[in-house]
C-alpha atoms as a PDB file:
ATOM      1  CA  MET A   1      64.685  59.406 -12.152  1.00  0.00           C
ATOM      2  CA  HIS A   2      62.117  56.630 -12.337  1.00  0.00           C
ATOM      3  CA  SER A   3      62.672  53.728 -14.616  1.00  0.00           C
ATOM      4  CA  GLU A   4      59.456  52.233 -15.948  1.00  0.00           C
ATOM      5  CA  THR A   5      59.119  48.775 -17.308  1.00  0.00           C
ATOM      6  CA  PRO A   6      57.852  49.121 -20.785  1.00  0.00           C
ATOM      7  CA  VAL A   7      54.674  47.324 -21.721  1.00  0.00           C
ATOM      8  CA  ARG A   8      55.326  44.950 -24.490  1.00  0.00           C
ATOM      9  CA  LYS A   9      53.149  45.116 -27.513  1.00  0.00           C
ATOM     10  CA  ASN A  10      50.058  42.827 -27.401  1.00  0.00           C
ATOM     11  CA  GLU A  11      50.756  41.928 -23.733  1.00  0.00           C
ATOM     12  CA  VAL A  12      47.593  41.216 -21.653  1.00  0.00           C
ATOM     13  CA  PRO A  13      47.495  43.159 -18.357  1.00  0.00           C
ATOM     14  CA  VAL A  14      47.896  40.981 -15.311  1.00  0.00           C
ATOM     15  CA  VAL A  15      45.071  42.615 -13.356  1.00  0.00           C
ATOM     16  CA  ALA A  16      41.651  42.544 -14.956  1.00  0.00           C
ATOM     17  CA  PRO A  17      39.249  45.414 -14.422  1.00  0.00           C
ATOM     18  CA  SER A  18      37.018  44.960 -11.351  1.00  0.00           C
ATOM     19  CA  TRP A  19      33.805  44.981 -13.389  1.00  0.00           C
ATOM     20  CA  LEU A  20      35.106  42.084 -15.487  1.00  0.00           C
ATOM     21  CA  LEU A  21      35.868  40.010 -12.377  1.00  0.00           C
ATOM     22  CA  ALA A  22      32.396  40.651 -10.987  1.00  0.00           C
ATOM     23  CA  PHE A  23      30.802  39.679 -14.283  1.00  0.00           C
ATOM     24  CA  ALA A  24      32.805  36.465 -14.455  1.00  0.00           C
ATOM     25  CA  PHE A  25      31.816  35.613 -10.887  1.00  0.00           C
ATOM     26  CA  LEU A  26      28.126  36.017 -11.692  1.00  0.00           C
ATOM     27  CA  LEU A  27      28.475  33.760 -14.709  1.00  0.00           C
ATOM     28  CA  LEU A  28      30.352  31.037 -12.868  1.00  0.00           C
ATOM     29  CA  TRP A  29      28.507  31.130  -9.521  1.00  0.00           C
ATOM     30  CA  PRO A  30      25.505  28.943 -10.519  1.00  0.00           C
ATOM     31  CA  MET A  31      27.869  26.341 -11.973  1.00  0.00           C
ATOM     32  CA  GLN A  32      29.946  26.326  -8.827  1.00  0.00           C
ATOM     33  CA  ALA A  33      26.883  26.055  -6.601  1.00  0.00           C
ATOM     34  CA  TYR A  34      25.527  23.030  -8.420  1.00  0.00           C
ATOM     35  CA  SER A  35      28.895  21.313  -8.487  1.00  0.00           C
ATOM     36  CA  GLN A  36      29.251  21.334  -4.715  1.00  0.00           C
ATOM     37  CA  PRO A  37      29.556  17.840  -3.206  1.00  0.00           C
ATOM     38  CA  GLY A  38      26.180  16.391  -2.195  1.00  0.00           C
ATOM     39  CA  HIS A  39      24.121  18.737  -4.407  1.00  0.00           C
ATOM     40  CA  GLU A  40      22.131  16.970  -7.106  1.00  0.00           C
ATOM     41  CA  THR A  41      19.919  18.590  -9.680  1.00  0.00           C
ATOM     42  CA  SER A  42      17.659  15.511  -9.671  1.00  0.00           C
ATOM     43  CA  ARG A  43      17.389  12.184  -7.964  1.00  0.00           C
ATOM     44  CA  ILE A  44      16.361   8.971  -9.697  1.00  0.00           C
ATOM     45  CA  ALA A  45      13.924   6.239  -8.706  1.00  0.00           C
ATOM     46  CA  TYR A  46      12.624   3.353 -10.773  1.00  0.00           C
ATOM     47  CA  LEU A  47       9.296   1.626 -11.330  1.00  0.00           C
ATOM     48  CA  ALA A  48       9.249  -2.152 -11.890  1.00  0.00           C
ATOM     49  CA  THR A  49       6.026  -2.597 -13.820  1.00  0.00           C
ATOM     50  CA  SER A  50       3.305  -5.205 -13.429  1.00  0.00           C
ATOM     51  CA  GLY A  51       2.876  -5.859 -17.158  1.00  0.00           C
ATOM     52  CA  ASN A  52      -0.598  -4.296 -17.155  1.00  0.00           C
ATOM     53  CA  ALA A  53      -0.023  -1.129 -19.160  1.00  0.00           C
ATOM     54  CA  VAL A  54      -3.137   0.684 -17.922  1.00  0.00           C
ATOM     55  CA  LEU A  55      -2.404  -0.098 -14.270  1.00  0.00           C
ATOM     56  CA  ASP A  56       1.283   0.792 -14.591  1.00  0.00           C
ATOM     57  CA  GLN A  57       0.502   4.150 -16.202  1.00  0.00           C
ATOM     58  CA  ARG A  58      -2.075   4.931 -13.520  1.00  0.00           C
ATOM     59  CA  ILE A  59       0.389   4.114 -10.734  1.00  0.00           C
ATOM     60  CA  THR A  60       3.154   6.103 -12.433  1.00  0.00           C
ATOM     61  CA  ASP A  61       0.960   9.187 -12.784  1.00  0.00           C
ATOM     62  CA  LEU A  62      -0.250   9.040  -9.183  1.00  0.00           C
ATOM     63  CA  ILE A  63       3.196   8.541  -7.672  1.00  0.00           C
ATOM     64  CA  THR A  64       4.781  11.237  -9.841  1.00  0.00           C
ATOM     65  CA  ARG A  65       2.085  13.665  -8.736  1.00  0.00           C
ATOM     66  CA  ASN A  66       3.094  13.098  -5.105  1.00  0.00           C
ATOM     67  CA  LEU A  67       6.872  13.265  -5.558  1.00  0.00           C
ATOM     68  CA  ASN A  68       9.034  16.329  -5.029  1.00  0.00           C
ATOM     69  CA  ARG A  69      10.080  17.876  -8.309  1.00  0.00           C
ATOM     70  CA  ASP A  70      13.726  16.879  -7.901  1.00  0.00           C
ATOM     71  CA  ILE A  71      12.893  13.159  -8.027  1.00  0.00           C
ATOM     72  CA  LYS A  72      12.555  11.522 -11.423  1.00  0.00           C
ATOM     73  CA  LEU A  73      10.613   8.251 -11.718  1.00  0.00           C
ATOM     74  CA  SER A  74      11.672   6.062 -14.636  1.00  0.00           C
ATOM     75  CA  THR A  75      10.526   2.649 -15.826  1.00  0.00           C
ATOM     76  CA  LEU A  76      13.091   0.008 -14.893  1.00  0.00           C
ATOM     77  CA  THR A  77      14.407  -2.013 -17.818  1.00  0.00           C
ATOM     78  CA  GLU A  78      15.835  -5.514 -17.689  1.00  0.00           C
ATOM     79  CA  ASN A  79      19.288  -4.206 -18.622  1.00  0.00           C
ATOM     80  CA  GLN A  80      19.289  -1.648 -15.815  1.00  0.00           C
ATOM     81  CA  LEU A  81      18.287  -4.120 -13.112  1.00  0.00           C
ATOM     82  CA  PRO A  82      21.704  -5.754 -12.495  1.00  0.00           C
ATOM     83  CA  LEU A  83      23.370  -2.313 -12.407  1.00  0.00           C
ATOM     84  CA  LEU A  84      21.269  -0.919  -9.566  1.00  0.00           C
ATOM     85  CA  GLU A  85      23.221   0.114  -6.495  1.00  0.00           C
ATOM     86  CA  ASN A  86      21.407   2.517  -4.167  1.00  0.00           C
ATOM     87  CA  GLU A  87      18.627   3.683  -6.476  1.00  0.00           C
ATOM     88  CA  PRO A  88      15.202   2.825  -5.000  1.00  0.00           C
ATOM     89  CA  VAL A  89      12.633   0.787  -6.914  1.00  0.00           C
ATOM     90  CA  ILE A  90       8.842   0.685  -6.640  1.00  0.00           C
ATOM     91  CA  ALA A  91       7.622  -2.792  -7.596  1.00  0.00           C
ATOM     92  CA  VAL A  92       4.000  -3.016  -8.743  1.00  0.00           C
ATOM     93  CA  GLY A  93       2.698  -6.345  -7.467  1.00  0.00           C
ATOM     94  CA  PRO A  94       4.284  -9.641  -6.353  1.00  0.00           C
ATOM     95  CA  GLY A  95       5.486 -10.571  -9.844  1.00  0.00           C
ATOM     96  CA  ALA A  96       7.427  -7.334 -10.263  1.00  0.00           C
ATOM     97  CA  PHE A  97       8.898  -7.680  -6.775  1.00  0.00           C
ATOM     98  CA  ASN A  98      10.095 -11.224  -7.470  1.00  0.00           C
ATOM     99  CA  ARG A  99      11.571 -10.150 -10.791  1.00  0.00           C
ATOM    100  CA  VAL A 100      13.603  -7.400  -9.124  1.00  0.00           C
ATOM    101  CA  ARG A 101      14.794  -9.745  -6.376  1.00  0.00           C
ATOM    102  CA  GLN A 102      15.889 -12.367  -8.885  1.00  0.00           C
ATOM    103  CA  GLY A 103      17.730  -9.798 -10.992  1.00  0.00           C
ATOM    104  CA  ASN A 104      19.478  -7.968  -8.151  1.00  0.00           C
ATOM    105  CA  ARG A 105      19.527  -9.273  -4.579  1.00  0.00           C
ATOM    106  CA  ASN A 106      20.906  -5.969  -3.293  1.00  0.00           C
ATOM    107  CA  ALA A 107      18.199  -3.769  -4.801  1.00  0.00           C
ATOM    108  CA  SER A 108      16.256  -1.457  -2.494  1.00  0.00           C
ATOM    109  CA  VAL A 109      12.564  -2.093  -3.152  1.00  0.00           C
ATOM    110  CA  VAL A 110       9.254  -0.799  -1.854  1.00  0.00           C
ATOM    111  CA  ALA A 111       6.406  -2.982  -3.128  1.00  0.00           C
ATOM    112  CA  ILE A 112       2.796  -1.985  -3.675  1.00  0.00           C
ATOM    113  CA  LEU A 113      -0.219  -4.193  -4.333  1.00  0.00           C
ATOM    114  CA  VAL A 114       1.224  -6.913  -2.089  1.00  0.00           C
ATOM    115  CA  ASP A 115      -0.172  -8.228   1.182  1.00  0.00           C
ATOM    116  CA  THR A 116       1.322  -8.660   4.625  1.00  0.00           C
ATOM    117  CA  GLN A 117       1.940 -12.390   4.283  1.00  0.00           C
ATOM    118  CA  PHE A 118       3.867 -11.935   1.058  1.00  0.00           C
ATOM    119  CA  ILE A 119       6.268  -9.189   2.146  1.00  0.00           C
ATOM    120  CA  SER A 120       6.784  -9.639   5.895  1.00  0.00           C
ATOM    121  CA  GLY A 121       9.530 -12.276   5.599  1.00  0.00           C
ATOM    122  CA  TYR A 122      11.557 -10.223   3.119  1.00  0.00           C
ATOM    123  CA  ALA A 123      11.174  -6.942   4.998  1.00  0.00           C
ATOM    124  CA  GLY A 124      12.083  -8.406   8.368  1.00  0.00           C
ATOM    125  CA  LYS A 125      15.559  -9.421   7.162  1.00  0.00           C
ATOM    126  CA  SER A 126      16.405  -6.429   4.981  1.00  0.00           C
ATOM    127  CA  ASP A 127      17.467  -3.692   7.426  1.00  0.00           C
ATOM    128  CA  GLY A 128      15.301  -1.114   5.662  1.00  0.00           C
ATOM    129  CA  ARG A 129      16.105  -2.091   2.083  1.00  0.00           C
ATOM    130  CA  ILE A 130      12.759  -3.806   1.498  1.00  0.00           C
ATOM    131  CA  SER A 131       9.366  -2.488   2.464  1.00  0.00           C
ATOM    132  CA  ALA A 132       5.817  -2.188   1.170  1.00  0.00           C
ATOM    133  CA  VAL A 133       2.611  -0.217   1.099  1.00  0.00           C
ATOM    134  CA  LEU A 134       0.251  -3.029   2.024  1.00  0.00           C
ATOM    135  CA  TYR A 135      -2.697  -3.901  -0.180  1.00  0.00           C
ATOM    136  CA  ASP A 136      -4.665  -6.155   2.153  1.00  0.00           C
ATOM    137  CA  VAL A 137      -7.078  -4.480   4.574  1.00  0.00           C
ATOM    138  CA  PRO A 138      -6.600  -4.789   8.347  1.00  0.00           C
ATOM    139  CA  LEU A 139      -9.110  -7.361   9.567  1.00  0.00           C
ATOM    140  CA  LEU A 140     -10.373  -5.055  12.308  1.00  0.00           C
ATOM    141  CA  ARG A 141     -11.313  -2.478   9.698  1.00  0.00           C
ATOM    142  CA  GLN A 142     -13.164  -5.129   7.703  1.00  0.00           C
ATOM    143  CA  ALA A 143     -15.006  -6.329  10.822  1.00  0.00           C
ATOM    144  CA  LEU A 144     -16.048  -2.765  11.627  1.00  0.00           C
ATOM    145  CA  THR A 145     -17.276  -2.356   8.063  1.00  0.00           C
ATOM    146  CA  GLY A 146     -19.763  -5.123   8.880  1.00  0.00           C
ATOM    147  CA  LYS A 147     -20.584  -3.464  12.213  1.00  0.00           C
ATOM    148  CA  ALA A 148     -21.267  -0.124  10.515  1.00  0.00           C
ATOM    149  CA  ILE A 149     -23.735  -1.787   8.135  1.00  0.00           C
ATOM    150  CA  LEU A 150     -25.304  -4.033  10.803  1.00  0.00           C
ATOM    151  CA  PRO A 151     -25.155  -1.978  14.030  1.00  0.00           C
ATOM    152  CA  GLN A 152     -27.007  -4.715  15.940  1.00  0.00           C
ATOM    153  CA  ALA A 153     -24.323  -7.292  15.123  1.00  0.00           C
ATOM    154  CA  THR A 154     -22.427  -8.762  18.086  1.00  0.00           C
ATOM    155  CA  LYS A 155     -20.852 -11.923  16.650  1.00  0.00           C
ATOM    156  CA  VAL A 156     -18.369 -12.228  13.800  1.00  0.00           C
ATOM    157  CA  ALA A 157     -17.795 -15.607  12.150  1.00  0.00           C
ATOM    158  CA  MET A 158     -14.525 -16.381  10.366  1.00  0.00           C
ATOM    159  CA  LEU A 159     -13.898 -19.327   8.070  1.00  0.00           C
ATOM    160  CA  ALA A 160     -10.297 -20.523   7.724  1.00  0.00           C
ATOM    161  CA  SER A 161      -8.191 -23.326   6.346  1.00  0.00           C
ATOM    162  CA  SER A 162      -6.057 -25.316   8.774  1.00  0.00           C
ATOM    163  CA  GLU A 163      -2.921 -23.654   7.344  1.00  0.00           C
ATOM    164  CA  ASP A 164      -4.123 -20.078   7.863  1.00  0.00           C
ATOM    165  CA  ASP A 165      -6.329 -20.130  10.953  1.00  0.00           C
ATOM    166  CA  GLU A 166      -3.765 -18.020  12.852  1.00  0.00           C
ATOM    167  CA  LEU A 167      -4.485 -15.088  10.526  1.00  0.00           C
ATOM    168  CA  TYR A 168      -7.451 -14.173  12.695  1.00  0.00           C
ATOM    169  CA  GLU A 169      -5.762 -14.470  16.093  1.00  0.00           C
ATOM    170  CA  PRO A 170      -4.860 -10.762  16.463  1.00  0.00           C
ATOM    171  CA  LEU A 171      -8.414  -9.765  15.540  1.00  0.00           C
ATOM    172  CA  LEU A 172      -9.986 -11.960  18.208  1.00  0.00           C
ATOM    173  CA  GLY A 173      -8.269  -9.920  20.886  1.00  0.00           C
ATOM    174  CA  GLN A 174      -9.437  -6.605  19.382  1.00  0.00           C
ATOM    175  CA  LEU A 175     -13.134  -7.250  18.876  1.00  0.00           C
ATOM    176  CA  ALA A 176     -14.150  -6.887  22.535  1.00  0.00           C
ATOM    177  CA  ASP A 177     -13.291  -3.169  22.416  1.00  0.00           C
ATOM    178  CA  TYR A 178     -16.149  -2.747  19.945  1.00  0.00           C
ATOM    179  CA  ASN A 179     -18.748  -4.902  21.700  1.00  0.00           C
ATOM    180  CA  LEU A 180     -18.059  -7.734  19.296  1.00  0.00           C
ATOM    181  CA  GLU A 181     -16.923 -11.303  19.747  1.00  0.00           C
ATOM    182  CA  GLY A 182     -15.548 -13.636  17.150  1.00  0.00           C
ATOM    183  CA  ARG A 183     -14.911 -17.272  16.465  1.00  0.00           C
ATOM    184  CA  VAL A 184     -12.799 -19.013  13.849  1.00  0.00           C
ATOM    185  CA  PHE A 185     -14.228 -22.106  12.162  1.00  0.00           C
ATOM    186  CA  VAL A 186     -11.557 -24.273  10.554  1.00  0.00           C
ATOM    187  CA  ALA A 187     -12.306 -26.312   7.430  1.00  0.00           C
ATOM    188  CA  SER A 188      -9.729 -29.096   7.552  1.00  0.00           C
ATOM    189  CA  SER A 189     -10.431 -30.301   3.994  1.00  0.00           C
ATOM    190  CA  LYS A 190     -12.330 -29.342   0.855  1.00  0.00           C
ATOM    191  CA  ASP A 191     -15.121 -31.728   1.791  1.00  0.00           C
ATOM    192  CA  GLN A 192     -15.516 -29.919   5.094  1.00  0.00           C
ATOM    193  CA  LEU A 193     -15.840 -26.450   3.585  1.00  0.00           C
ATOM    194  CA  ILE A 194     -19.639 -26.232   3.381  1.00  0.00           C
ATOM    195  CA  PRO A 195     -20.424 -28.068   6.656  1.00  0.00           C
ATOM    196  CA  THR A 196     -17.937 -25.805   8.459  1.00  0.00           C
ATOM    197  CA  LEU A 197     -19.388 -22.757   6.726  1.00  0.00           C
ATOM    198  CA  VAL A 198     -22.901 -23.691   7.897  1.00  0.00           C
ATOM    199  CA  ARG A 199     -21.682 -23.827  11.501  1.00  0.00           C
ATOM    200  CA  ALA A 200     -19.996 -20.468  11.076  1.00  0.00           C
ATOM    201  CA  LEU A 201     -23.153 -18.884   9.651  1.00  0.00           C
ATOM    202  CA  ASN A 202     -25.250 -20.278  12.492  1.00  0.00           C
ATOM    203  CA  TYR A 203     -22.932 -18.567  14.943  1.00  0.00           C
ATOM    204  CA  GLY A 204     -22.195 -15.177  13.392  1.00  0.00           C
ATOM    205  CA  ASP A 205     -24.279 -12.177  12.449  1.00  0.00           C
ATOM    206  CA  PHE A 206     -22.068 -11.949   9.389  1.00  0.00           C
ATOM    207  CA  LEU A 207     -19.150 -13.826   7.827  1.00  0.00           C
ATOM    208  CA  LEU A 208     -15.799 -12.047   7.666  1.00  0.00           C
ATOM    209  CA  GLY A 209     -13.508 -12.971   4.782  1.00  0.00           C
ATOM    210  CA  GLY A 210      -9.738 -12.738   5.270  1.00  0.00           C
ATOM    211  CA  PRO A 211      -6.690 -13.231   3.023  1.00  0.00           C
ATOM    212  CA  ASP A 212      -6.936 -17.027   3.086  1.00  0.00           C
ATOM    213  CA  ASP A 213      -6.631 -18.139  -0.538  1.00  0.00           C
ATOM    214  CA  ASP A 214      -7.462 -21.739   0.315  1.00  0.00           C
ATOM    215  CA  ILE A 215     -10.949 -20.604   1.379  1.00  0.00           C
ATOM    216  CA  PHE A 216     -11.694 -17.414  -0.522  1.00  0.00           C
ATOM    217  CA  ASN A 217     -10.866 -18.141  -4.138  1.00  0.00           C
ATOM    218  CA  PRO A 218     -12.762 -18.232  -7.455  1.00  0.00           C
ATOM    219  CA  ARG A 219     -13.487 -21.961  -7.043  1.00  0.00           C
ATOM    220  CA  ASN A 220     -15.184 -21.586  -3.666  1.00  0.00           C
ATOM    221  CA  ILE A 221     -16.788 -18.165  -3.682  1.00  0.00           C
ATOM    222  CA  LYS A 222     -19.972 -19.117  -5.519  1.00  0.00           C
ATOM    223  CA  HIS A 223     -20.676 -21.941  -3.035  1.00  0.00           C
ATOM    224  CA  ILE A 224     -19.863 -19.721  -0.049  1.00  0.00           C
ATOM    225  CA  LEU A 225     -22.145 -16.931  -1.215  1.00  0.00           C
ATOM    226  CA  LEU A 226     -25.073 -19.198  -2.096  1.00  0.00           C
ATOM    227  CA  THR A 227     -24.845 -20.956   1.262  1.00  0.00           C
ATOM    228  CA  ALA A 228     -24.766 -17.615   3.068  1.00  0.00           C
ATOM    229  CA  TYR A 229     -27.706 -16.156   1.148  1.00  0.00           C
ATOM    230  CA  ARG A 230     -29.874 -19.174   1.890  1.00  0.00           C
ATOM    231  CA  ARG A 231     -29.390 -18.381   5.569  1.00  0.00           C
ATOM    232  CA  ASN A 232     -29.889 -14.655   5.061  1.00  0.00           C
ATOM    233  CA  LYS A 233     -26.310 -13.887   6.057  1.00  0.00           C
ATOM    234  CA  ILE A 234     -23.777 -11.600   4.410  1.00  0.00           C
ATOM    235  CA  LEU A 235     -20.091 -11.774   3.570  1.00  0.00           C
ATOM    236  CA  ILE A 236     -17.836  -8.799   4.342  1.00  0.00           C
ATOM    237  CA  GLY A 237     -14.521  -8.763   2.442  1.00  0.00           C
ATOM    238  CA  PRO A 238     -12.023 -10.121   1.803  1.00  0.00           C
ATOM    239  CA  ASN A 239     -11.385  -7.409  -0.812  1.00  0.00           C
ATOM    240  CA  GLN A 240     -12.999  -5.118  -3.341  1.00  0.00           C
ATOM    241  CA  ALA A 241     -13.120  -7.744  -6.097  1.00  0.00           C
ATOM    242  CA  TYR A 242     -15.366 -10.006  -4.023  1.00  0.00           C
ATOM    243  CA  VAL A 243     -18.006  -7.269  -3.739  1.00  0.00           C
ATOM    244  CA  LYS A 244     -18.540  -7.547  -7.466  1.00  0.00           C
ATOM    245  CA  ALA A 245     -18.807 -11.318  -7.059  1.00  0.00           C
ATOM    246  CA  GLY A 246     -21.511 -10.985  -4.382  1.00  0.00           C
ATOM    247  CA  ALA A 247     -20.034  -9.959  -1.029  1.00  0.00           C
ATOM    248  CA  LEU A 248     -22.101  -7.179   0.520  1.00  0.00           C
ATOM    249  CA  ALA A 249     -19.208  -4.826   1.240  1.00  0.00           C
ATOM    250  CA  SER A 250     -15.470  -4.480   1.706  1.00  0.00           C
ATOM    251  CA  SER A 251     -13.069  -1.777   2.747  1.00  0.00           C
ATOM    252  CA  TYR A 252     -10.197  -1.218   0.347  1.00  0.00           C
ATOM    253  CA  ALA A 253      -7.210   1.062  -0.136  1.00  0.00           C
ATOM    254  CA  PRO A 254      -7.737   3.405  -3.119  1.00  0.00           C
ATOM    255  CA  PHE A 255      -4.867   3.814  -5.569  1.00  0.00           C
ATOM    256  CA  PRO A 256      -4.292   7.512  -4.726  1.00  0.00           C
ATOM    257  CA  ALA A 257      -3.754   6.633  -1.047  1.00  0.00           C
ATOM    258  CA  MET A 258      -1.287   3.863  -1.879  1.00  0.00           C
ATOM    259  CA  ALA A 259       0.578   6.083  -4.358  1.00  0.00           C
ATOM    260  CA  GLU A 260       0.861   8.916  -1.845  1.00  0.00           C
ATOM    261  CA  LYS A 261       2.412   6.626   0.757  1.00  0.00           C
ATOM    262  CA  ALA A 262       4.735   5.001  -1.810  1.00  0.00           C
ATOM    263  CA  ALA A 263       5.982   8.455  -2.839  1.00  0.00           C
ATOM    264  CA  ASN A 264       6.584   9.291   0.827  1.00  0.00           C
ATOM    265  CA  TYR A 265       8.577   6.057   1.233  1.00  0.00           C
ATOM    266  CA  LEU A 266      10.755   6.970  -1.749  1.00  0.00           C
ATOM    267  CA  GLU A 267      11.485  10.394  -0.319  1.00  0.00           C
ATOM    268  CA  GLN A 268      12.362   8.969   3.087  1.00  0.00           C
ATOM    269  CA  TYR A 269      14.701   6.440   1.478  1.00  0.00           C
ATOM    270  CA  LEU A 270      16.480   9.135  -0.513  1.00  0.00           C
ATOM    271  CA  GLU A 271      16.918  11.173   2.677  1.00  0.00           C
ATOM    272  CA  THR A 272      17.981   8.394   5.053  1.00  0.00           C
ATOM    273  CA  GLY A 273      19.043   5.385   2.961  1.00  0.00           C
ATOM    274  CA  LYS A 274      16.288   3.232   4.491  1.00  0.00           C
ATOM    275  CA  PHE A 275      12.600   2.622   3.894  1.00  0.00           C
ATOM    276  CA  PRO A 276      10.115   2.779   6.767  1.00  0.00           C
ATOM    277  CA  ALA A 277       8.609  -0.568   7.813  1.00  0.00           C
ATOM    278  CA  PRO A 278       5.739  -1.986   5.719  1.00  0.00           C
ATOM    279  CA  ALA A 279       2.503  -0.192   6.533  1.00  0.00           C
ATOM    280  CA  TYR A 280      -1.063   0.293   5.402  1.00  0.00           C
ATOM    281  CA  PRO A 281      -2.205   3.416   3.538  1.00  0.00           C
ATOM    282  CA  ASP A 282      -3.606   6.271   5.598  1.00  0.00           C
ATOM    283  CA  THR A 283      -6.969   6.385   3.822  1.00  0.00           C
ATOM    284  CA  TYR A 284      -9.552   3.715   2.988  1.00  0.00           C
ATOM    285  CA  SER A 285     -12.749   3.593   0.964  1.00  0.00           C
ATOM    286  CA  VAL A 286     -15.661   1.153   1.054  1.00  0.00           C
ATOM    287  CA  GLU A 287     -17.223  -0.725  -1.842  1.00  0.00           C
ATOM    288  CA  VAL A 288     -20.831  -1.934  -1.470  1.00  0.00           C
ATOM    289  CA  ASN A 289     -23.169  -4.147  -3.469  1.00  0.00           C
ATOM    290  CA  GLN A 290     -26.607  -2.528  -3.473  1.00  0.00           C
ATOM    291  CA  GLN A 291     -28.161  -5.405  -5.418  1.00  0.00           C
ATOM    292  CA  VAL A 292     -27.194  -7.935  -2.738  1.00  0.00           C
ATOM    293  CA  ALA A 293     -28.516  -5.593  -0.048  1.00  0.00           C
ATOM    294  CA  ARG A 294     -31.876  -5.313  -1.784  1.00  0.00           C
ATOM    295  CA  SER A 295     -32.161  -9.059  -2.264  1.00  0.00           C
ATOM    296  CA  LEU A 296     -31.543  -9.602   1.475  1.00  0.00           C
ATOM    297  CA  ASN A 297     -33.713  -6.628   2.547  1.00  0.00           C
ATOM    298  CA  ILE A 298     -30.778  -4.929   4.264  1.00  0.00           C
ATOM    299  CA  PRO A 299     -30.906  -1.112   4.467  1.00  0.00           C
ATOM    300  CA  LEU A 300     -27.541  -0.095   3.043  1.00  0.00           C
ATOM    301  CA  PRO A 301     -26.244   3.491   3.336  1.00  0.00           C
ATOM    302  CA  ASP A 302     -24.031   4.847   0.580  1.00  0.00           C
ATOM    303  CA  ARG A 303     -20.404   3.812   0.692  1.00  0.00           C
ATOM    304  CA  GLU A 304     -19.087   7.209   1.830  1.00  0.00           C
ATOM    305  CA  TRP A 305     -21.334   7.027   4.901  1.00  0.00           C
ATOM    306  CA  VAL A 306     -20.082   3.523   5.692  1.00  0.00           C
ATOM    307  CA  ALA A 307     -16.434   4.580   5.294  1.00  0.00           C
ATOM    308  CA  ASN A 308     -16.947   7.535   7.642  1.00  0.00           C
ATOM    309  CA  ALA A 309     -18.745   5.337  10.173  1.00  0.00           C
ATOM    310  CA  VAL A 310     -15.813   2.897  10.210  1.00  0.00           C
ATOM    311  CA  GLU A 311     -13.378   5.763  10.841  1.00  0.00           C
ATOM    312  CA  GLU A 312     -15.490   6.968  13.757  1.00  0.00           C
ATOM    313  CA  LEU A 313     -15.568   3.483  15.277  1.00  0.00           C
ATOM    314  CA  LEU A 314     -11.794   3.191  14.988  1.00  0.00           C
ATOM    315  CA  LYS A 315     -11.263   6.565  16.671  1.00  0.00           C
ATOM    316  CA  GLN A 316     -13.256   5.716  19.766  1.00  0.00           C
ATOM    317  CA  PRO A 317     -13.719   2.063  20.713  1.00  0.00           C
ATOM    318  CA  VAL A 318     -16.889   1.401  22.673  1.00  0.00           C
ATOM    319  CA  GLN A 319     -15.010   0.121  25.728  1.00  0.00           C
ATOM    320  CA  GLU A 320     -12.985   3.344  25.930  1.00  0.00           C
ATOM    321  CA  SER A 321     -16.094   5.525  25.773  1.00  0.00           C
ATOM    322  CA  VAL A 322     -17.652   3.564  28.648  1.00  0.00           C
ATOM    323  CA  LYS A 323     -14.679   4.237  31.000  1.00  0.00           C
END
């Protein structure tokens, strides 16, 4: 005779029905999946702003458009800055970069709208924590912008201060590949600026402007341009702003190209814990001044044609095609 254990009143059965277990599993599975170590629903990055609201919004929109959906870009506040640990920061301009560095020496920062001279010292000592999407244009690209506009040009003149004359040294070794030669004329003082410029203009088919603030600045540009025009010579570079002031043309990195590369740097940092080395954007445009071209009787193609011509020159140097 079997003895059965009686079921007490209101007692819950130990074994739940199989359908109830399956239902519970389906409910809990998404929660379990997202709670696994290393899985994050979103990753955070910060933007240290320039203080120019229009520029900052433009940069934010462009970078966000290029980021994967699981990365959230937020504006960095002053209170958040000291608390940063491994979260990456995009700094818009030198001022924003310096502000982040002063507030948190350990912050991981990729700067935009900064030039090579500004960032190279920081990046070289950071072991991948500091990098940049460079704003200045490679001098070879600027020189070839002049070559595309003046195909007959063979000589490039460069005007430099005594502190920054080495800026042009790498370019001098590159020009021969494009049937060009160059020479740097050093103005040792303010009084020597115009006499040195005259010698440079007598030598070159055009004057190439580089990132030398002692030479190319708002105080000097009017005198440089007037002296060049009187000798029927043109200035190429040093950047887009100088085209509006009277330079004939300049290559420049458009904001979408810089934002795309900055977004790529953020993603690489979040994957590896390090930024790639500072680099230039992958795409460039050309700004031209048609009014200056007309006044000097220079046939000037549209800027898209010039930009494409520069790319073609960079792809196949003349010396390579001769071999």
